[in-house]
């Protein structure tokens, strides 16, 4: 299972951040798809080994949930999932109780969320909105204008 988590995350992590690379995905029909979107890369991966596929499916669930909730950040969520899962496996193998590990992870997540909410700030200027649009569009020089126009037309997202 760990191998599936690691291999899927390794395929996705190359798309991370503004300097992330594109990935070419073979399509069953038509031209290959070129993307820098982590969840799209994750969804395209299937392993023949059932156990590896279970691990990959766990990571896909995280990427999909992140995409549904935030619309972005799927690559980061995938990389974090790999790290947490890998270290969790090491801890359990060393004798840690899996339920204690789960509780510890939940407490850590709660602390991180509280911290992030404290650091968040509202944006209001057109320049700030355009910057968020550029990040959301993976640096595309044209797509961020669509995000900007939608926010200006419909208000807060």
C-alpha atoms as a PDB file:
ATOM      1  CA  UNK A   1       0.000   0.000   0.000  1.00  0.00           C
ATOM      2  CA  UNK A   2       2.830   2.379   0.896  1.00  0.00           C
ATOM      3  CA  UNK A   3       4.364   1.886  -2.566  1.00  0.00           C
ATOM      4  CA  UNK A   4       1.102   3.037  -4.182  1.00  0.00           C
ATOM      5  CA  UNK A   5       1.021   6.156  -1.992  1.00  0.00           C
ATOM      6  CA  UNK A   6       4.657   6.930  -2.779  1.00  0.00           C
ATOM      7  CA  UNK A   7       4.504   6.317  -6.524  1.00  0.00           C
ATOM      8  CA  UNK A   8       1.327   8.343  -7.030  1.00  0.00           C
ATOM      9  CA  UNK A   9       2.649  11.229  -4.917  1.00  0.00           C
ATOM     10  CA  UNK A  10       5.983  11.166  -6.758  1.00  0.00           C
ATOM     11  CA  UNK A  11       4.164  11.471 -10.098  1.00  0.00           C
ATOM     12  CA  UNK A  12       2.075  14.388  -8.809  1.00  0.00           C
ATOM     13  CA  UNK A  13       4.745  16.330  -6.889  1.00  0.00           C
ATOM     14  CA  UNK A  14       6.522  17.527 -10.046  1.00  0.00           C
ATOM     15  CA  UNK A  15       3.540  19.846 -10.674  1.00  0.00           C
ATOM     16  CA  UNK A  16       3.984  21.699  -7.367  1.00  0.00           C
ATOM     17  CA  UNK A  17       4.232  25.461  -7.239  1.00  0.00           C
ATOM     18  CA  UNK A  18       4.853  28.160  -9.802  1.00  0.00           C
ATOM     19  CA  UNK A  19       7.952  26.351 -11.087  1.00  0.00           C
ATOM     20  CA  UNK A  20       6.158  23.002 -11.274  1.00  0.00           C
ATOM     21  CA  UNK A  21       6.387  21.012 -14.471  1.00  0.00           C
ATOM     22  CA  UNK A  22       3.694  19.855 -16.836  1.00  0.00           C
ATOM     23  CA  UNK A  23       2.775  16.173 -17.014  1.00  0.00           C
ATOM     24  CA  UNK A  24       1.693  14.438 -20.213  1.00  0.00           C
ATOM     25  CA  UNK A  25      -1.198  12.011 -19.680  1.00  0.00           C
ATOM     26  CA  UNK A  26      -2.039   9.374 -22.250  1.00  0.00           C
ATOM     27  CA  UNK A  27      -5.730   9.383 -23.200  1.00  0.00           C
ATOM     28  CA  UNK A  28      -7.635   6.304 -24.300  1.00  0.00           C
ATOM     29  CA  UNK A  29      -8.801   8.374 -27.276  1.00  0.00           C
ATOM     30  CA  UNK A  30      -7.539  11.584 -28.825  1.00  0.00           C
ATOM     31  CA  UNK A  31      -4.389  13.532 -28.173  1.00  0.00           C
ATOM     32  CA  UNK A  32      -2.456  13.255 -24.909  1.00  0.00           C
ATOM     33  CA  UNK A  33      -3.451  15.729 -22.197  1.00  0.00           C
ATOM     34  CA  UNK A  34      -0.842  18.152 -20.840  1.00  0.00           C
ATOM     35  CA  UNK A  35      -1.560  19.426 -17.334  1.00  0.00           C
ATOM     36  CA  UNK A  36       0.002  20.928 -14.235  1.00  0.00           C
ATOM     37  CA  UNK A  37      -3.018  20.091 -12.073  1.00  0.00           C
ATOM     38  CA  UNK A  38      -2.213  17.622  -9.309  1.00  0.00           C
ATOM     39  CA  UNK A  39      -5.668  16.091  -8.988  1.00  0.00           C
ATOM     40  CA  UNK A  40      -5.849  15.512 -12.748  1.00  0.00           C
ATOM     41  CA  UNK A  41      -2.515  13.692 -12.658  1.00  0.00           C
ATOM     42  CA  UNK A  42      -3.620  11.659  -9.623  1.00  0.00           C
ATOM     43  CA  UNK A  43      -6.909  10.641 -11.248  1.00  0.00           C
ATOM     44  CA  UNK A  44      -5.052   9.360 -14.307  1.00  0.00           C
ATOM     45  CA  UNK A  45      -2.957   6.827 -12.378  1.00  0.00           C
ATOM     46  CA  UNK A  46      -4.031   3.208 -11.970  1.00  0.00           C
ATOM     47  CA  UNK A  47      -1.785   0.356 -10.857  1.00  0.00           C
ATOM     48  CA  UNK A  48      -2.202  -3.270 -11.882  1.00  0.00           C
ATOM     49  CA  UNK A  49      -1.207  -4.338  -8.369  1.00  0.00           C
ATOM     50  CA  UNK A  50      -4.378  -4.186  -6.234  1.00  0.00           C
ATOM     51  CA  UNK A  51      -2.572  -3.378  -2.984  1.00  0.00           C
ATOM     52  CA  UNK A  52      -0.638  -0.488  -4.580  1.00  0.00           C
ATOM     53  CA  UNK A  53      -3.923   0.717  -6.052  1.00  0.00           C
ATOM     54  CA  UNK A  54      -5.490   0.839  -2.566  1.00  0.00           C
ATOM     55  CA  UNK A  55      -2.702   3.153  -1.394  1.00  0.00           C
ATOM     56  CA  UNK A  56      -3.048   5.305  -4.496  1.00  0.00           C
ATOM     57  CA  UNK A  57      -6.817   5.471  -3.965  1.00  0.00           C
ATOM     58  CA  UNK A  58      -6.300   6.857  -0.459  1.00  0.00           C
ATOM     59  CA  UNK A  59      -4.206   9.691  -1.879  1.00  0.00           C
ATOM     60  CA  UNK A  60      -6.746  10.312  -4.653  1.00  0.00           C
ATOM     61  CA  UNK A  61      -9.453  10.703  -2.007  1.00  0.00           C
ATOM     62  CA  UNK A  62      -7.386  13.406  -0.301  1.00  0.00           C
ATOM     63  CA  UNK A  63      -6.697  15.185  -3.610  1.00  0.00           C
ATOM     64  CA  UNK A  64     -10.380  15.051  -4.590  1.00  0.00           C
ATOM     65  CA  UNK A  65     -11.516  16.332  -1.183  1.00  0.00           C
ATOM     66  CA  UNK A  66      -9.004  19.182  -1.402  1.00  0.00           C
ATOM     67  CA  UNK A  67     -10.175  20.033  -4.903  1.00  0.00           C
ATOM     68  CA  UNK A  68     -13.843  19.963  -3.836  1.00  0.00           C
ATOM     69  CA  UNK A  69     -13.195  22.110  -0.754  1.00  0.00           C
ATOM     70  CA  UNK A  70     -10.594  24.601  -1.946  1.00  0.00           C
ATOM     71  CA  UNK A  71     -10.403  24.193  -5.717  1.00  0.00           C
ATOM     72  CA  UNK A  72      -6.612  24.252  -5.492  1.00  0.00           C
ATOM     73  CA  UNK A  73      -3.753  22.888  -3.412  1.00  0.00           C
ATOM     74  CA  UNK A  74      -4.168  19.279  -4.516  1.00  0.00           C
ATOM     75  CA  UNK A  75      -0.467  18.756  -5.171  1.00  0.00           C
ATOM     76  CA  UNK A  76       0.456  20.100  -1.744  1.00  0.00           C
ATOM     77  CA  UNK A  77      -2.196  17.885  -0.124  1.00  0.00           C
ATOM     78  CA  UNK A  78      -0.821  14.884  -2.012  1.00  0.00           C
ATOM     79  CA  UNK A  79       2.764  15.551  -0.906  1.00  0.00           C
ATOM     80  CA  UNK A  80       1.661  16.055   2.713  1.00  0.00           C
ATOM     81  CA  UNK A  81      -0.376  12.845   2.586  1.00  0.00           C
ATOM     82  CA  UNK A  82       2.665  10.910   1.400  1.00  0.00           C
ATOM     83  CA  UNK A  83       4.796  12.312   4.220  1.00  0.00           C
ATOM     84  CA  UNK A  84       2.183  11.655   6.916  1.00  0.00           C
ATOM     85  CA  UNK A  85       1.443   8.151   5.626  1.00  0.00           C
ATOM     86  CA  UNK A  86       5.137   7.247   5.308  1.00  0.00           C
ATOM     87  CA  UNK A  87       6.002   8.465   8.799  1.00  0.00           C
ATOM     88  CA  UNK A  88       2.851   6.864  10.202  1.00  0.00           C
ATOM     89  CA  UNK A  89       3.863   3.493   8.766  1.00  0.00           C
ATOM     90  CA  UNK A  90       7.313   3.863  10.335  1.00  0.00           C
ATOM     91  CA  UNK A  91       5.786   4.723  13.715  1.00  0.00           C
ATOM     92  CA  UNK A  92       3.369   1.790  13.680  1.00  0.00           C
ATOM     93  CA  UNK A  93       6.167  -0.558  12.565  1.00  0.00           C
ATOM     94  CA  UNK A  94       8.221   0.694  15.536  1.00  0.00           C
ATOM     95  CA  UNK A  95       5.380  -0.235  17.905  1.00  0.00           C
ATOM     96  CA  UNK A  96       3.201   2.869  18.176  1.00  0.00           C
ATOM     97  CA  UNK A  97      -0.498   2.262  18.669  1.00  0.00           C
ATOM     98  CA  UNK A  98      -2.300   3.129  15.413  1.00  0.00           C
ATOM     99  CA  UNK A  99      -5.229   4.752  17.241  1.00  0.00           C
ATOM    100  CA  UNK A 100      -2.865   6.947  19.279  1.00  0.00           C
ATOM    101  CA  UNK A 101      -1.205   7.939  16.012  1.00  0.00           C
ATOM    102  CA  UNK A 102      -4.586   8.791  14.488  1.00  0.00           C
ATOM    103  CA  UNK A 103      -5.523  10.940  17.504  1.00  0.00           C
ATOM    104  CA  UNK A 104      -2.165  12.716  17.334  1.00  0.00           C
ATOM    105  CA  UNK A 105      -2.587  13.472  13.649  1.00  0.00           C
ATOM    106  CA  UNK A 106      -6.109  14.822  14.287  1.00  0.00           C
ATOM    107  CA  UNK A 107      -4.806  17.087  17.046  1.00  0.00           C
ATOM    108  CA  UNK A 108      -2.018  18.338  14.779  1.00  0.00           C
ATOM    109  CA  UNK A 109      -4.483  19.034  11.955  1.00  0.00           C
ATOM    110  CA  UNK A 110      -6.717  21.028  14.320  1.00  0.00           C
ATOM    111  CA  UNK A 111      -3.731  23.093  15.476  1.00  0.00           C
ATOM    112  CA  UNK A 112      -2.600  23.789  11.904  1.00  0.00           C
ATOM    113  CA  UNK A 113      -6.106  24.810  10.793  1.00  0.00           C
ATOM    114  CA  UNK A 114      -6.442  27.179  13.766  1.00  0.00           C
ATOM    115  CA  UNK A 115      -3.038  28.671  12.976  1.00  0.00           C
ATOM    116  CA  UNK A 116      -3.825  29.120   9.277  1.00  0.00           C
ATOM    117  CA  UNK A 117      -7.164  30.778  10.043  1.00  0.00           C
ATOM    118  CA  UNK A 118      -5.299  33.223  12.260  1.00  0.00           C
ATOM    119  CA  UNK A 119      -2.893  34.065   9.433  1.00  0.00           C
ATOM    120  CA  UNK A 120      -5.562  34.430   6.727  1.00  0.00           C
ATOM    121  CA  UNK A 121      -6.473  37.870   5.500  1.00  0.00           C
ATOM    122  CA  UNK A 122      -9.198  39.201   3.262  1.00  0.00           C
ATOM    123  CA  UNK A 123      -8.213  40.636  -0.075  1.00  0.00           C
ATOM    124  CA  UNK A 124     -10.021  43.505  -1.691  1.00  0.00           C
ATOM    125  CA  UNK A 125      -7.924  45.353  -4.244  1.00  0.00           C
ATOM    126  CA  UNK A 126      -8.020  44.459  -7.903  1.00  0.00           C
ATOM    127  CA  UNK A 127      -4.263  43.811  -7.795  1.00  0.00           C
ATOM    128  CA  UNK A 128      -4.659  41.271  -4.962  1.00  0.00           C
ATOM    129  CA  UNK A 129      -7.518  39.541  -6.759  1.00  0.00           C
ATOM    130  CA  UNK A 130      -5.439  39.350  -9.958  1.00  0.00           C
ATOM    131  CA  UNK A 131      -2.529  37.845  -7.975  1.00  0.00           C
ATOM    132  CA  UNK A 132      -4.798  35.124  -6.558  1.00  0.00           C
ATOM    133  CA  UNK A 133      -6.154  34.505 -10.056  1.00  0.00           C
ATOM    134  CA  UNK A 134      -2.644  34.129 -11.452  1.00  0.00           C
ATOM    135  CA  UNK A 135      -1.765  31.564  -8.780  1.00  0.00           C
ATOM    136  CA  UNK A 136      -5.029  29.687  -9.328  1.00  0.00           C
ATOM    137  CA  UNK A 137      -4.405  29.651 -13.074  1.00  0.00           C
ATOM    138  CA  UNK A 138      -0.916  28.184 -12.529  1.00  0.00           C
ATOM    139  CA  UNK A 139       0.703  31.338 -13.848  1.00  0.00           C
ATOM    140  CA  UNK A 140      -1.301  31.487 -17.070  1.00  0.00           C
ATOM    141  CA  UNK A 141      -1.152  35.063 -18.261  1.00  0.00           C
ATOM    142  CA  UNK A 142      -4.703  35.039 -19.633  1.00  0.00           C
ATOM    143  CA  UNK A 143      -6.665  32.799 -17.281  1.00  0.00           C
ATOM    144  CA  UNK A 144      -6.175  35.014 -14.232  1.00  0.00           C
ATOM    145  CA  UNK A 145      -8.187  37.740 -15.955  1.00  0.00           C
ATOM    146  CA  UNK A 146     -11.198  35.393 -16.037  1.00  0.00           C
ATOM    147  CA  UNK A 147     -10.893  34.832 -12.291  1.00  0.00           C
ATOM    148  CA  UNK A 148     -10.572  38.575 -11.739  1.00  0.00           C
ATOM    149  CA  UNK A 149     -13.609  39.333 -13.910  1.00  0.00           C
ATOM    150  CA  UNK A 150     -15.720  36.699 -12.142  1.00  0.00           C
ATOM    151  CA  UNK A 151     -14.837  38.060  -8.706  1.00  0.00           C
ATOM    152  CA  UNK A 152     -15.559  41.616  -9.818  1.00  0.00           C
ATOM    153  CA  UNK A 153     -18.879  40.574 -11.382  1.00  0.00           C
ATOM    154  CA  UNK A 154     -20.168  38.180  -8.710  1.00  0.00           C
ATOM    155  CA  UNK A 155     -18.331  39.295  -5.597  1.00  0.00           C
ATOM    156  CA  UNK A 156     -16.723  37.075  -3.005  1.00  0.00           C
ATOM    157  CA  UNK A 157     -16.077  33.488  -4.031  1.00  0.00           C
END
